[in-house]
Amino acid sequence: MTDLGFVHVFQPPADPAAPILLLLHGTGGDEQDLLPLAGELAPAAGILSPRGKVLERGMPRFFRRLSEGVFDLEDLRIRTGELADFVEAAAVHYRFDARRVVAVGFSNGANIAASLLLRRPGVLAGGILFRAMVPFEPDAPVALKRTPVFLSNGRRDPIIPAAQAERLAALLREADADVTAVWQPAGHELTQGDIAAAREWLAARQAAGL
């Protein structure tokens, strides 16, 4: 589908009480990339999965970067706004509860999810961020009001320094997010350890009424 500003996939939840998972792929992925992951995390959840609109050597991304680990902050600002508007428009179009949207992002998708949390509080009910780093340093206080966020990073990740992952967790906590941060004995790739930990976290949050 090409409406609402993004090529995307939408699947309604099998259980009305289940969250809507906003699937945000990594560099080179697309709207189909994380569908199997969603099934492992929460089979009854709804799915909203957009394709990033920025191309880097033909590979879709959600925002531009100037080099590895150096983001185009103005493009990030614009793309974050576009994504937030898309989520809000999709909630109206598909008639789902906008208060139940949980981002599930990997790498570039996790970074724009972090930007969405920090720049547009209230759009997401929570976030599962795999291999995320600091998208930008906010220049004003952010109030996330105990929004639950799960971060999972790799101890051997050659792309994201541990200090970056730790700084993101600190930024979110400073904004009053309820942060769970775990480390995997892995690199930048997604592992079964990541998935199992995220699935357990999400199930606990659902039981608590996420």
Protein backbone atom coordinates (compact mmCIF):
# COMPACT_ATOMS: atom_id res chain seq x y z
CA MET A 1 0.00 0.00 0.00
CA THR A 2 1.26 3.50 -0.81
CA ASP A 3 -1.25 5.72 1.00
CA LEU A 4 -0.64 7.77 4.16
CA GLY A 5 2.79 8.85 2.97
CA PHE A 6 4.68 5.54 3.37
CA VAL A 7 4.63 2.24 1.54
CA HIS A 8 3.51 0.00 4.38
CA VAL A 9 1.83 -3.15 5.64
CA PHE A 10 -1.04 -3.08 8.12
CA GLN A 11 -2.52 -6.09 9.87
CA PRO A 12 -5.22 -5.62 12.52
CA PRO A 13 -4.68 -7.26 15.91
CA ALA A 14 -6.16 -10.71 16.49
CA ASP A 15 -6.83 -9.65 20.08
CA PRO A 16 -8.32 -6.16 20.67
CA ALA A 17 -6.26 -5.91 23.87
CA ALA A 18 -2.98 -6.56 22.04
CA PRO A 19 -0.66 -3.71 21.03
CA ILE A 20 -0.05 -2.41 17.54
CA LEU A 21 3.60 -3.06 16.71
CA LEU A 22 5.20 -0.28 14.65
CA LEU A 23 7.90 -2.23 12.81
CA LEU A 24 10.93 -0.14 11.82
CA HIS A 25 13.50 -2.00 9.74
CA GLY A 26 17.24 -1.51 9.54
CA THR A 27 19.24 -0.23 6.58
CA GLY A 28 18.42 -2.24 3.47
CA GLY A 29 15.21 -3.69 4.89
CA ASP A 30 11.64 -2.97 3.87
CA GLU A 31 8.09 -3.23 5.15
CA GLN A 32 8.24 -7.04 5.04
CA ASP A 33 11.53 -7.38 6.89
CA LEU A 34 10.38 -7.54 10.52
CA LEU A 35 7.05 -9.32 10.05
CA PRO A 36 8.45 -12.67 11.26
CA LEU A 37 9.91 -10.93 14.31
CA ALA A 38 6.50 -9.49 15.18
CA GLY A 39 5.05 -12.99 15.09
CA GLU A 40 7.68 -14.17 17.57
CA LEU A 41 7.21 -11.23 19.92
CA ALA A 42 3.41 -11.07 20.05
CA PRO A 43 1.41 -13.26 17.62
CA ALA A 44 -1.90 -11.55 18.45
CA ALA A 45 -0.57 -8.01 17.98
CA GLY A 46 -1.52 -5.71 15.15
CA ILE A 47 1.19 -4.63 12.73
CA LEU A 48 1.99 -1.28 11.15
CA SER A 49 5.16 -1.65 9.11
CA PRO A 50 6.36 1.26 6.92
CA ARG A 51 9.26 1.30 4.48
CA GLY A 52 11.89 3.97 5.03
CA LYS A 53 11.80 6.64 2.29
CA VAL A 54 15.51 7.51 2.21
CA LEU A 55 17.76 5.52 -0.12
CA GLU A 56 21.45 4.98 0.59
CA ARG A 57 23.09 3.28 -2.37
CA GLY A 58 19.67 1.83 -3.18
CA MET A 59 19.02 0.61 0.37
CA PRO A 60 15.96 1.98 2.22
CA ARG A 61 16.54 3.86 5.48
CA PHE A 62 14.38 6.06 7.67
CA PHE A 63 16.76 9.06 7.63
CA ARG A 64 20.03 10.19 6.09
CA ARG A 65 23.44 9.83 7.64
CA LEU A 66 26.58 11.72 6.70
CA SER A 67 28.86 8.80 7.54
CA GLU A 68 28.81 5.72 9.78
CA GLY A 69 27.41 6.87 13.12
CA VAL A 70 27.08 10.52 12.03
CA PHE A 71 23.47 11.47 11.39
CA ASP A 72 22.01 14.26 9.26
CA LEU A 73 20.19 15.90 12.16
CA GLU A 74 17.98 18.14 10.04
CA ASP A 75 16.84 15.20 7.92
CA LEU A 76 16.30 13.19 11.10
CA ARG A 77 14.08 15.96 12.47
CA ILE A 78 11.98 16.08 9.30
CA ARG A 79 11.71 12.29 8.94
CA THR A 80 10.77 11.85 12.59
CA GLY A 81 7.91 14.30 12.10
CA GLU A 82 6.78 12.46 8.98
CA LEU A 83 6.79 9.14 10.81
CA ALA A 84 4.85 10.55 13.77
CA ASP A 85 2.25 12.02 11.42
CA PHE A 86 2.02 8.69 9.60
CA VAL A 87 1.33 6.79 12.82
CA GLU A 88 -1.37 9.24 13.84
CA ALA A 89 -2.98 9.17 10.38
CA ALA A 90 -2.85 5.36 10.28
CA ALA A 91 -4.65 5.15 13.63
CA VAL A 92 -7.52 7.16 12.17
CA HIS A 93 -7.50 5.40 8.79
CA TYR A 94 -7.38 1.85 10.19
CA ARG A 95 -9.38 2.66 13.32
CA PHE A 96 -6.96 1.31 15.90
CA ASP A 97 -6.20 2.71 19.35
CA ALA A 98 -3.31 5.16 18.93
CA ARG A 99 -2.52 4.72 22.63
CA ARG A 100 -1.41 1.11 22.04
CA VAL A 101 1.38 1.65 19.48
CA VAL A 102 4.69 0.07 20.48
CA ALA A 103 7.69 0.62 18.22
CA VAL A 104 9.89 -2.37 17.39
CA GLY A 105 13.01 -1.08 15.69
CA PHE A 106 16.32 -2.55 14.59
CA SER A 107 19.44 -0.43 14.00
CA ASN A 108 18.37 2.52 11.79
CA GLY A 109 14.76 1.76 12.67
CA ALA A 110 15.62 1.69 16.38
CA ASN A 111 17.36 5.04 16.05
CA ILE A 112 14.35 6.75 14.51
CA ALA A 113 12.16 5.11 17.17
CA ALA A 114 14.39 6.71 19.81
CA SER A 115 14.08 10.03 17.99
CA LEU A 116 10.30 9.61 17.91
CA LEU A 117 10.22 9.01 21.67
CA LEU A 118 12.36 12.08 22.39
CA ARG A 119 10.85 14.44 19.81
CA ARG A 120 7.15 13.47 19.84
CA PRO A 121 6.32 12.10 23.32
CA GLY A 122 2.91 10.49 23.43
CA VAL A 123 2.93 9.05 19.91
CA LEU A 124 4.31 5.75 21.21
CA ALA A 125 3.01 3.75 24.15
CA GLY A 126 6.37 2.01 24.36
CA GLY A 127 9.40 0.90 22.42
CA ILE A 128 11.54 -2.17 21.79
CA LEU A 129 14.83 -0.92 20.40
CA PHE A 130 17.44 -3.37 19.15
CA ARG A 131 20.95 -1.97 18.54
CA ALA A 132 20.03 1.68 19.07
CA MET A 133 22.27 4.67 19.69
CA VAL A 134 21.68 8.31 20.59
CA PRO A 135 19.79 9.95 17.69
CA PHE A 136 20.32 13.50 18.97
CA GLU A 137 20.79 15.34 22.25
CA PRO A 138 17.53 17.15 23.17
CA ASP A 139 17.93 20.88 23.73
CA ALA A 140 14.89 21.05 26.04
CA PRO A 141 13.48 18.76 28.76
CA VAL A 142 11.44 15.79 27.52
CA ALA A 143 8.59 14.26 29.55
CA LEU A 144 7.99 10.60 28.70
CA LYS A 145 5.81 9.99 31.78
CA ARG A 146 7.04 6.44 32.50
CA THR A 147 6.73 5.28 28.89
CA PRO A 148 8.20 1.75 28.92
CA VAL A 149 11.25 1.23 26.70
CA PHE A 150 13.27 -1.95 26.19
CA LEU A 151 16.82 -1.58 24.86
CA SER A 152 18.94 -4.52 23.73
CA ASN A 153 22.51 -4.05 22.53
CA GLY A 154 25.47 -6.27 21.70
CA ARG A 155 28.65 -6.32 23.75
CA ARG A 156 30.66 -6.99 20.59
CA ASP A 157 28.82 -4.56 18.31
CA PRO A 158 31.39 -2.98 15.95
CA ILE A 159 28.98 -0.22 14.91
CA ILE A 160 27.54 1.06 18.22
CA PRO A 161 30.01 1.81 21.03
CA ALA A 162 28.82 0.74 24.48
CA ALA A 163 29.00 4.37 25.62
CA GLN A 164 26.42 5.32 22.97
CA ALA A 165 23.97 2.64 24.09
CA GLU A 166 24.46 3.63 27.71
CA ARG A 167 23.97 7.32 26.93
CA LEU A 168 20.67 6.56 25.16
CA ALA A 169 19.43 4.65 28.22
CA ALA A 170 20.45 7.59 30.40
CA LEU A 171 18.73 10.12 28.12
CA LEU A 172 15.49 8.17 28.23
CA ARG A 173 15.66 7.80 31.99
CA GLU A 174 16.31 11.54 32.34
CA ALA A 175 13.10 12.02 30.35
CA ASP A 176 11.29 9.81 32.92
CA ALA A 177 10.93 6.77 30.66
CA ASP A 178 10.74 3.36 32.36
CA VAL A 179 13.85 1.83 30.78
CA THR A 180 14.93 -1.81 30.73
CA ALA A 181 18.39 -2.17 29.16
CA VAL A 182 19.97 -5.55 28.48
CA TRP A 183 23.18 -6.68 26.83
CA GLN A 184 23.69 -9.65 24.56
CA PRO A 185 26.95 -11.55 23.92
CA ALA A 186 26.65 -10.58 20.26
CA GLY A 187 27.57 -8.07 17.61
CA HIS A 188 25.19 -5.90 15.56
CA GLU A 189 23.08 -8.85 14.42
CA LEU A 190 19.75 -9.72 16.02
CA THR A 191 19.90 -12.92 18.09
CA GLN A 192 17.50 -15.34 19.73
CA GLY A 193 18.62 -13.90 23.06
CA ASP A 194 17.38 -10.48 21.95
CA ILE A 195 14.04 -11.90 20.84
CA ALA A 196 13.48 -13.99 23.96
CA ALA A 197 14.25 -11.08 26.29
CA ALA A 198 12.02 -8.70 24.31
CA ARG A 199 9.17 -11.22 24.18
CA GLU A 200 9.28 -11.69 27.96
CA TRP A 201 9.40 -7.92 28.53
CA LEU A 202 6.47 -7.28 26.18
CA ALA A 203 4.36 -10.04 27.73
CA ALA A 204 4.93 -8.55 31.18
CA ARG A 205 3.99 -5.09 29.92
CA GLN A 206 0.84 -6.41 28.28
CA ALA A 207 -0.15 -8.14 31.51
CA ALA A 208 0.30 -4.80 33.27
CA GLY A 209 -2.04 -3.12 30.79
CA LEU A 210 0.31 -1.56 28.22
